[in-house]
Amino acid sequence: METKQILETIRMIEEDNLDIRTITMGISLLDCIDADVEIACEKIYQKITRCAKNLVSVGEQIATEYGIPIINKRISITPIATIASAAKATSADCIKYARALDRAAKEVGVDFIGGYSALVEKGFQGSELAFIESIPQALAETDYVCSSVNIGSTKAGINMNAVQTMGDVIKQTAEKSDLGCAKLVVFANAVEDNPFMAGAFHGFGEEDVVINVGVSGPGVMKRALEKVKGEPFDVVAETVKKTAFKITRMGQLVGQEASKRLGVSFGIVDLSLAPTPAVGDSVAEILEEMGLETVGTHGTTAALALLNDAVKKGGVMACNHVGGLSGAFIPVSEDAGMIDGVKAGSLNLEKLEAMTAICSVGLDMVAIPGDTSAESISGMIADEAAIGVINHKTTAVRIIPAKGKHIGDHIEFGGLLGSAPVMKINDASSAEFIQRGGSIPAPLHSFRN
């Protein structure tokens, strides 16, 4: 690299909050399957602690040697519902798996472990329904376990029975623990190599153990756009592409170095711009830098479309191994600009839903009144799943029914999860729609063979 590029990267780190958001080790647990739940849990604990024993120390070494902040070290594992089904596990049995995961995460010192998950886009198998029913208690009892459920895909359609169940599960999770819902996400078209929580799991098509990297850089992107104020959108897109290229290069460097030192394969770099509550680290502020008075006003969805597309184009030029979600995240509680938009009245649930049609995920870290019905939550999940299924993209819902809170109240999560104003939802009932059950068939364009 030229001296100018090195100095530019140093400035990005020191002034613009550039960091590696996570290095995530994906671990297959298929060789831990056992008909005896206790034996399976012990196998899981042993494999995770053996494979990830040096993950945190290697991450810290790389951060020190290269001067690149690495914020989180995480683990993703094979969806536990599959492991549990082999043992014909009950809901009570499934919680034993969660405890084993939590114990392993604490032993190796990671921030989160993802993969307390089920893939039920076409229906329930084995112990999957019992597993899903265990989620509220599992998240209440554990500190580091994250959970996800995939309820739809473009190829399979939407499992509306699972959608209805997840509305109830989210309500129960909110009742049992303050942070449980922040560690639970409902997907359509979930990806197998996502390094970000709460939706990470290690897919069945992956290698036994891999390292995936999630980069970040909203502050860097905003600073770059400040230099092209008033220029045409062609220039804006080109600026975003070039900046994404530099950010991705750094992620690739860290991922390859970590995989070499840990003796495992390098998986992917996830290009997603992931905000934090810190000032100057906001996706909303990038959109406002393009000329919007505040995020949520007319033009917001177009601005986000440009950003998302240009990030992908720049990233794939920098690294052959791009995967995960790769775009722009819009979690309300984790983005200071999004929070300001909600407070100003310009950003509401309907606008967020429109934005999710073209960004990386969906309704993310959105606080809603605690008395919201399970059917209304299921309706939100169904809407997001429909956007994902029809548009052949990943969408998700990580919604927080704020216990005892009402519209306009504020809820604090702390750390990277931030805080959020409680948002207004549509008061009209979705109950009869959700209670129909069954499945919404796959769209015609899913048949591509």
Foldseek 3Di string as FASTA:
>chain_A
DDPVLLVVVVCLVPPQVWAFAEKEKEAELPVLADLDLVSSLVSVLVVLCVLLLCQVVLQVVCCVVSVGHHNFYEYAYAQVQVSCLSNLHALVSLLSSLVSVQVSCVNSVGQAYERPEEEQQQHDDRCNVRSLLNLLVSLLVHDHYAYEYEQHELQFFGQLVVLLVVLVSQLSNLVRDVCSLQRYKYKYPADQCARDPSRYHHDPPDDRMEIETETAGQLVLQVQLLVQQPHDVVVNLVSLLQSLLSRLLVRVVSQVSSCVVSVHYYAAYASEHEAALDPSSAPQSSLVSNPDPAQQAPPNLVSQLSQFVSSVNSNCVNDVRHDHQHGYDDAQQGGNRSQVCVVVVRDAQVSQQSSQLRGREGHHNAEAALPDHSQQSSVRQSSQNVSCNVSVHMYMHSYRHNPPDHAQDKAADDDRSHIHGHGDDDPDGRVVVSVVGDGDGNDPVSPDD
